[in-house]
Amino acid sequence: MNWRLLPAHAPAAVIDPAVRVLAALRITPTMLTTAGLAGNAAAALLTARGALLAAGVLVLAASTLDLLDGALARATDRASRFGALYDSTLDRISEAAVLFGIAWYAIARGQRELALLAFAAVVGSLLVSYVRARAEGLGLALRDGLFTRSERVVLTGAALITGWLRLGLWLLAVLALLTALQRLWIASRALLAEDAATGRR
């Protein structure tokens, strides 16, 4: 069962008008993906300097581009394997950069717990993506997951905006790690069933 807190895709009524404008301006999907990384890198720097509110707003704004680059690629017939790889890689870097900024902020203020939670959140987030990528490399489509990138981005932005970093990081770390375990369990069952059906051991 695919339990998600947020829908996998934004409504077409929201995405389509923005995509039409971007296409008319000759903005490419790669430009959007790169701009998203730049925005999150700037948010990481703001976080490290203690400007949490501005950083949180920027995280949400920059990550919104992630909703548009894929839709723009499909609408302009520019979808490619390179684009998918580039997008996925920069998404991981963006997420890690913001959490690094939080860790820097915490270390500078002697808040060891926050720094450790930021590290745990990075590990959990990367594991969520890694399990999916490894499963797909084995021929298994895996999109299930309670706490995927969309949920993590919203929680991170909200934690920065409100200043409730401790609560936000606890939720982020725990839910990301649980989602990685959830995906591992789902993938393991599916792969074992396939192996049993084909006589593999």
C-alpha atoms as a PDB file:
ATOM      1  CA  MET A   1       0.000   0.000   0.000  1.00  0.00           C
ATOM      2  CA  ASN A   2       1.349   3.407  -0.952  1.00  0.00           C
ATOM      3  CA  TRP A   3       0.799   5.535   2.136  1.00  0.00           C
ATOM      4  CA  ARG A   4       1.769   9.117   1.320  1.00  0.00           C
ATOM      5  CA  LEU A   5       1.164  12.251   3.308  1.00  0.00           C
ATOM      6  CA  LEU A   6       1.277  14.399   0.158  1.00  0.00           C
ATOM      7  CA  PRO A   7       0.209  13.573  -3.402  1.00  0.00           C
ATOM      8  CA  ALA A   8       2.939  12.352  -5.721  1.00  0.00           C
ATOM      9  CA  HIS A   9       2.163  15.108  -8.234  1.00  0.00           C
ATOM     10  CA  ALA A  10       0.775  18.624  -7.920  1.00  0.00           C
ATOM     11  CA  PRO A  11      -2.624  19.230  -9.590  1.00  0.00           C
ATOM     12  CA  ALA A  12      -2.446  19.884 -13.323  1.00  0.00           C
ATOM     13  CA  ALA A  13      -4.473  23.071 -12.815  1.00  0.00           C
ATOM     14  CA  VAL A  14      -1.530  24.452 -10.848  1.00  0.00           C
ATOM     15  CA  ILE A  15       1.352  23.018 -12.870  1.00  0.00           C
ATOM     16  CA  ASP A  16       0.156  23.449 -16.462  1.00  0.00           C
ATOM     17  CA  PRO A  17      -0.115  27.291 -16.535  1.00  0.00           C
ATOM     18  CA  ALA A  18       3.354  27.636 -15.013  1.00  0.00           C
ATOM     19  CA  VAL A  19       4.778  25.157 -17.512  1.00  0.00           C
ATOM     20  CA  ARG A  20       3.269  27.081 -20.426  1.00  0.00           C
ATOM     21  CA  VAL A  21       4.872  30.302 -19.213  1.00  0.00           C
ATOM     22  CA  LEU A  22       8.259  28.642 -18.734  1.00  0.00           C
ATOM     23  CA  ALA A  23       8.098  27.055 -22.171  1.00  0.00           C
ATOM     24  CA  ALA A  24       7.216  30.409 -23.741  1.00  0.00           C
ATOM     25  CA  LEU A  25      10.235  31.958 -22.022  1.00  0.00           C
ATOM     26  CA  ARG A  26      12.397  29.136 -23.398  1.00  0.00           C
ATOM     27  CA  ILE A  27      13.397  27.978 -19.942  1.00  0.00           C
ATOM     28  CA  THR A  28      14.751  24.437 -20.106  1.00  0.00           C
ATOM     29  CA  PRO A  29      14.219  21.671 -17.527  1.00  0.00           C
ATOM     30  CA  THR A  30      17.965  21.626 -16.854  1.00  0.00           C
ATOM     31  CA  MET A  31      17.865  25.333 -16.030  1.00  0.00           C
ATOM     32  CA  LEU A  32      15.088  24.718 -13.507  1.00  0.00           C
ATOM     33  CA  THR A  33      16.922  21.813 -11.898  1.00  0.00           C
ATOM     34  CA  THR A  34      20.120  23.855 -11.621  1.00  0.00           C
ATOM     35  CA  ALA A  35      18.235  26.846 -10.223  1.00  0.00           C
ATOM     36  CA  GLY A  36      16.685  24.583  -7.609  1.00  0.00           C
ATOM     37  CA  LEU A  37      20.136  23.483  -6.463  1.00  0.00           C
ATOM     38  CA  ALA A  38      21.369  27.080  -6.371  1.00  0.00           C
ATOM     39  CA  GLY A  39      18.366  28.120  -4.279  1.00  0.00           C
ATOM     40  CA  ASN A  40      18.859  25.308  -1.790  1.00  0.00           C
ATOM     41  CA  ALA A  41      22.578  26.052  -1.567  1.00  0.00           C
ATOM     42  CA  ALA A  42      21.717  29.676  -0.756  1.00  0.00           C
ATOM     43  CA  ALA A  43      19.209  28.431   1.830  1.00  0.00           C
ATOM     44  CA  ALA A  44      21.944  26.310   3.400  1.00  0.00           C
ATOM     45  CA  LEU A  45      24.180  29.365   3.682  1.00  0.00           C
ATOM     46  CA  LEU A  46      21.373  31.412   5.241  1.00  0.00           C
ATOM     47  CA  THR A  47      20.708  28.619   7.724  1.00  0.00           C
ATOM     48  CA  ALA A  48      24.348  28.410   8.739  1.00  0.00           C
ATOM     49  CA  ARG A  49      24.268  32.161   9.392  1.00  0.00           C
ATOM     50  CA  GLY A  50      21.126  31.876  11.503  1.00  0.00           C
ATOM     51  CA  ALA A  51      18.625  33.425   9.082  1.00  0.00           C
ATOM     52  CA  LEU A  52      16.199  30.564   9.558  1.00  0.00           C
ATOM     53  CA  LEU A  53      12.997  32.246   8.377  1.00  0.00           C
ATOM     54  CA  ALA A  54      14.518  33.408   5.088  1.00  0.00           C
ATOM     55  CA  ALA A  55      16.162  30.013   4.644  1.00  0.00           C
ATOM     56  CA  GLY A  56      12.881  28.176   5.156  1.00  0.00           C
ATOM     57  CA  VAL A  57      11.051  30.317   2.616  1.00  0.00           C
ATOM     58  CA  LEU A  58      13.875  29.814   0.118  1.00  0.00           C
ATOM     59  CA  VAL A  59      13.887  26.026   0.652  1.00  0.00           C
ATOM     60  CA  LEU A  60      10.202  25.834  -0.212  1.00  0.00           C
ATOM     61  CA  ALA A  61      10.548  28.206  -3.180  1.00  0.00           C
ATOM     62  CA  ALA A  62      13.591  26.447  -4.640  1.00  0.00           C
ATOM     63  CA  SER A  63      12.138  22.995  -4.135  1.00  0.00           C
ATOM     64  CA  THR A  64       8.961  24.046  -5.945  1.00  0.00           C
ATOM     65  CA  LEU A  65      11.074  23.995  -9.090  1.00  0.00           C
ATOM     66  CA  ASP A  66      11.311  20.238  -8.609  1.00  0.00           C
ATOM     67  CA  LEU A  67       7.583  20.061  -9.328  1.00  0.00           C
ATOM     68  CA  LEU A  68       8.082  21.882 -12.601  1.00  0.00           C
ATOM     69  CA  ASP A  69      11.227  20.513 -14.244  1.00  0.00           C
ATOM     70  CA  GLY A  70       9.804  17.078 -15.001  1.00  0.00           C
ATOM     71  CA  ALA A  71       6.482  18.499 -16.195  1.00  0.00           C
ATOM     72  CA  LEU A  72       8.325  20.996 -18.393  1.00  0.00           C
ATOM     73  CA  ALA A  73      10.492  18.222 -19.850  1.00  0.00           C
ATOM     74  CA  ARG A  74       7.423  16.194 -20.784  1.00  0.00           C
ATOM     75  CA  ALA A  75       5.520  19.184 -22.164  1.00  0.00           C
ATOM     76  CA  THR A  76       8.428  20.286 -24.385  1.00  0.00           C
ATOM     77  CA  ASP A  77       9.433  16.757 -25.408  1.00  0.00           C
ATOM     78  CA  ARG A  78      12.790  17.081 -23.656  1.00  0.00           C
ATOM     79  CA  ALA A  79      12.455  14.176 -21.257  1.00  0.00           C
ATOM     80  CA  SER A  80      15.645  12.108 -21.303  1.00  0.00           C
ATOM     81  CA  ARG A  81      17.572   9.621 -19.230  1.00  0.00           C
ATOM     82  CA  PHE A  82      20.253  12.250 -18.663  1.00  0.00           C
ATOM     83  CA  GLY A  83      17.639  14.673 -17.379  1.00  0.00           C
ATOM     84  CA  ALA A  84      16.250  12.078 -14.982  1.00  0.00           C
ATOM     85  CA  LEU A  85      19.737  11.306 -13.652  1.00  0.00           C
ATOM     86  CA  TYR A  86      20.678  14.983 -13.381  1.00  0.00           C
ATOM     87  CA  ASP A  87      17.436  15.820 -11.573  1.00  0.00           C
ATOM     88  CA  SER A  88      17.716  12.958  -9.091  1.00  0.00           C
ATOM     89  CA  THR A  89      21.366  13.710  -8.329  1.00  0.00           C
ATOM     90  CA  LEU A  90      20.808  17.418  -7.745  1.00  0.00           C
ATOM     91  CA  ASP A  91      17.765  16.675  -5.589  1.00  0.00           C
ATOM     92  CA  ARG A  92      19.959  14.612  -3.270  1.00  0.00           C
ATOM     93  CA  ILE A  93      22.650  17.308  -3.185  1.00  0.00           C
ATOM     94  CA  SER A  94      20.054  20.011  -2.472  1.00  0.00           C
ATOM     95  CA  GLU A  95      18.573  18.111   0.443  1.00  0.00           C
ATOM     96  CA  ALA A  96      21.972  17.284   1.912  1.00  0.00           C
ATOM     97  CA  ALA A  97      23.142  20.897   1.520  1.00  0.00           C
ATOM     98  CA  VAL A  98      20.242  22.294   3.559  1.00  0.00           C
ATOM     99  CA  LEU A  99      20.751  19.701   6.303  1.00  0.00           C
ATOM    100  CA  PHE A 100      24.484  20.496   6.286  1.00  0.00           C
ATOM    101  CA  GLY A 101      23.572  24.140   6.821  1.00  0.00           C
ATOM    102  CA  ILE A 102      21.422  23.125   9.798  1.00  0.00           C
ATOM    103  CA  ALA A 103      24.285  21.039  11.210  1.00  0.00           C
ATOM    104  CA  TRP A 104      26.654  23.993  10.819  1.00  0.00           C
ATOM    105  CA  TYR A 105      24.164  26.254  12.588  1.00  0.00           C
ATOM    106  CA  ALA A 106      23.841  23.746  15.430  1.00  0.00           C
ATOM    107  CA  ILE A 107      27.586  23.164  15.829  1.00  0.00           C
ATOM    108  CA  ALA A 108      28.279  26.911  15.911  1.00  0.00           C
ATOM    109  CA  ARG A 109      25.863  27.175  18.834  1.00  0.00           C
ATOM    110  CA  GLY A 110      27.059  24.087  20.659  1.00  0.00           C
ATOM    111  CA  GLN A 111      23.803  22.226  20.017  1.00  0.00           C
ATOM    112  CA  ARG A 112      25.179  18.722  19.565  1.00  0.00           C
ATOM    113  CA  GLU A 113      21.770  17.045  19.517  1.00  0.00           C
ATOM    114  CA  LEU A 114      20.617  19.117  16.535  1.00  0.00           C
ATOM    115  CA  ALA A 115      23.835  18.388  14.644  1.00  0.00           C
ATOM    116  CA  LEU A 116      23.464  14.637  15.210  1.00  0.00           C
ATOM    117  CA  LEU A 117      19.817  14.762  14.177  1.00  0.00           C
ATOM    118  CA  ALA A 118      20.742  16.589  10.977  1.00  0.00           C
ATOM    119  CA  PHE A 119      23.278  13.851  10.224  1.00  0.00           C
ATOM    120  CA  ALA A 120      20.680  11.145  10.902  1.00  0.00           C
ATOM    121  CA  ALA A 121      18.229  12.937   8.636  1.00  0.00           C
ATOM    122  CA  VAL A 122      20.789  13.036   5.816  1.00  0.00           C
ATOM    123  CA  VAL A 123      21.457   9.317   6.191  1.00  0.00           C
ATOM    124  CA  GLY A 124      17.742   8.507   6.261  1.00  0.00           C
ATOM    125  CA  SER A 125      16.982  10.678   3.246  1.00  0.00           C
ATOM    126  CA  LEU A 126      19.764   9.132   1.181  1.00  0.00           C
ATOM    127  CA  LEU A 127      18.707   5.623   2.179  1.00  0.00           C
ATOM    128  CA  VAL A 128      15.126   6.281   1.066  1.00  0.00           C
ATOM    129  CA  SER A 129      16.405   7.180  -2.384  1.00  0.00           C
ATOM    130  CA  TYR A 130      19.052   4.450  -2.467  1.00  0.00           C
ATOM    131  CA  VAL A 131      16.642   1.615  -1.706  1.00  0.00           C
ATOM    132  CA  ARG A 132      14.371   2.762  -4.511  1.00  0.00           C
ATOM    133  CA  ALA A 133      17.269   3.125  -6.962  1.00  0.00           C
ATOM    134  CA  ARG A 134      18.699  -0.292  -6.061  1.00  0.00           C
ATOM    135  CA  ALA A 135      15.299  -1.957  -6.342  1.00  0.00           C
ATOM    136  CA  GLU A 136      14.698  -0.377  -9.732  1.00  0.00           C
ATOM    137  CA  GLY A 137      18.159  -1.551 -10.804  1.00  0.00           C
ATOM    138  CA  LEU A 138      16.931  -5.062 -10.014  1.00  0.00           C
ATOM    139  CA  GLY A 139      13.883  -4.524 -12.197  1.00  0.00           C
ATOM    140  CA  LEU A 140      11.386  -3.660  -9.465  1.00  0.00           C
ATOM    141  CA  ALA A 141       9.351  -0.458  -9.709  1.00  0.00           C
ATOM    142  CA  LEU A 142       9.251   1.046  -6.206  1.00  0.00           C
ATOM    143  CA  ARG A 143       7.352   4.266  -5.567  1.00  0.00           C
ATOM    144  CA  ASP A 144       5.813   3.395  -2.213  1.00  0.00           C
ATOM    145  CA  GLY A 145       6.937   5.292   0.843  1.00  0.00           C
ATOM    146  CA  LEU A 146       5.394   7.242   3.679  1.00  0.00           C
ATOM    147  CA  PHE A 147       7.931  10.060   3.832  1.00  0.00           C
ATOM    148  CA  THR A 148       9.431  10.809   0.428  1.00  0.00           C
ATOM    149  CA  ARG A 149      11.164  13.936  -0.835  1.00  0.00           C
ATOM    150  CA  SER A 150       8.046  16.115  -0.997  1.00  0.00           C
ATOM    151  CA  GLU A 151       7.189  15.466   2.632  1.00  0.00           C
ATOM    152  CA  ARG A 152      10.787  15.945   3.741  1.00  0.00           C
ATOM    153  CA  VAL A 153      11.096  19.281   1.940  1.00  0.00           C
ATOM    154  CA  VAL A 154       7.864  20.634   3.430  1.00  0.00           C
ATOM    155  CA  LEU A 155       8.873  19.534   6.934  1.00  0.00           C
ATOM    156  CA  THR A 156      12.364  21.014   6.601  1.00  0.00           C
ATOM    157  CA  GLY A 157      11.006  24.324   5.336  1.00  0.00           C
ATOM    158  CA  ALA A 158       8.362  24.451   8.073  1.00  0.00           C
ATOM    159  CA  ALA A 159      10.928  23.684  10.784  1.00  0.00           C
ATOM    160  CA  LEU A 160      13.165  26.503   9.575  1.00  0.00           C
ATOM    161  CA  ILE A 161      10.327  29.011   9.240  1.00  0.00           C
ATOM    162  CA  THR A 162       8.887  28.281  12.681  1.00  0.00           C
ATOM    163  CA  GLY A 163      12.254  27.795  14.370  1.00  0.00           C
ATOM    164  CA  TRP A 164      11.130  24.407  15.726  1.00  0.00           C
ATOM    165  CA  LEU A 165      14.294  22.730  14.550  1.00  0.00           C
ATOM    166  CA  ARG A 166      14.535  20.130  17.294  1.00  0.00           C
ATOM    167  CA  LEU A 167      11.024  18.788  16.714  1.00  0.00           C
ATOM    168  CA  GLY A 168      11.369  19.041  12.942  1.00  0.00           C
ATOM    169  CA  LEU A 169      14.690  17.201  12.861  1.00  0.00           C
ATOM    170  CA  TRP A 170      13.458  14.438  15.158  1.00  0.00           C
ATOM    171  CA  LEU A 171      10.473  13.882  12.886  1.00  0.00           C
ATOM    172  CA  LEU A 172      12.609  14.106   9.767  1.00  0.00           C
ATOM    173  CA  ALA A 173      15.257  11.670  10.999  1.00  0.00           C
ATOM    174  CA  VAL A 174      12.837   9.098  12.403  1.00  0.00           C
ATOM    175  CA  LEU A 175      10.349   9.192   9.533  1.00  0.00           C
ATOM    176  CA  ALA A 176      13.051   9.093   6.848  1.00  0.00           C
ATOM    177  CA  LEU A 177      14.712   6.069   8.441  1.00  0.00           C
ATOM    178  CA  LEU A 178      11.342   4.350   8.859  1.00  0.00           C
ATOM    179  CA  THR A 179      10.535   5.026   5.217  1.00  0.00           C
ATOM    180  CA  ALA A 180      13.853   3.496   4.149  1.00  0.00           C
ATOM    181  CA  LEU A 181      12.999   0.399   6.203  1.00  0.00           C
ATOM    182  CA  GLN A 182       9.471   0.379   4.765  1.00  0.00           C
ATOM    183  CA  ARG A 183      10.822   0.435   1.222  1.00  0.00           C
ATOM    184  CA  LEU A 184      13.368  -2.255   2.039  1.00  0.00           C
ATOM    185  CA  TRP A 185      10.611  -4.485   3.433  1.00  0.00           C
ATOM    186  CA  ILE A 186       8.343  -3.907   0.431  1.00  0.00           C
ATOM    187  CA  ALA A 187      11.156  -4.517  -2.040  1.00  0.00           C
ATOM    188  CA  SER A 188      12.407  -7.595  -0.195  1.00  0.00           C
ATOM    189  CA  ARG A 189       8.980  -9.217  -0.225  1.00  0.00           C
ATOM    190  CA  ALA A 190       8.480  -8.480  -3.910  1.00  0.00           C
ATOM    191  CA  LEU A 191      11.932  -9.735  -4.919  1.00  0.00           C
ATOM    192  CA  LEU A 192      11.649 -12.903  -2.840  1.00  0.00           C
ATOM    193  CA  ALA A 193       8.243 -13.601  -4.371  1.00  0.00           C
ATOM    194  CA  GLU A 194       9.658 -13.118  -7.874  1.00  0.00           C
ATOM    195  CA  ASP A 195      12.604 -15.401  -7.093  1.00  0.00           C
ATOM    196  CA  ALA A 196      10.288 -18.067  -5.706  1.00  0.00           C
ATOM    197  CA  ALA A 197       8.085 -17.873  -8.792  1.00  0.00           C
ATOM    198  CA  THR A 198      11.045 -18.271 -11.148  1.00  0.00           C
ATOM    199  CA  GLY A 199      12.843 -20.887  -9.056  1.00  0.00           C
ATOM    200  CA  ARG A 200      15.754 -18.609  -8.112  1.00  0.00           C
ATOM    201  CA  ARG A 201      17.472 -18.921  -4.741  1.00  0.00           C
END
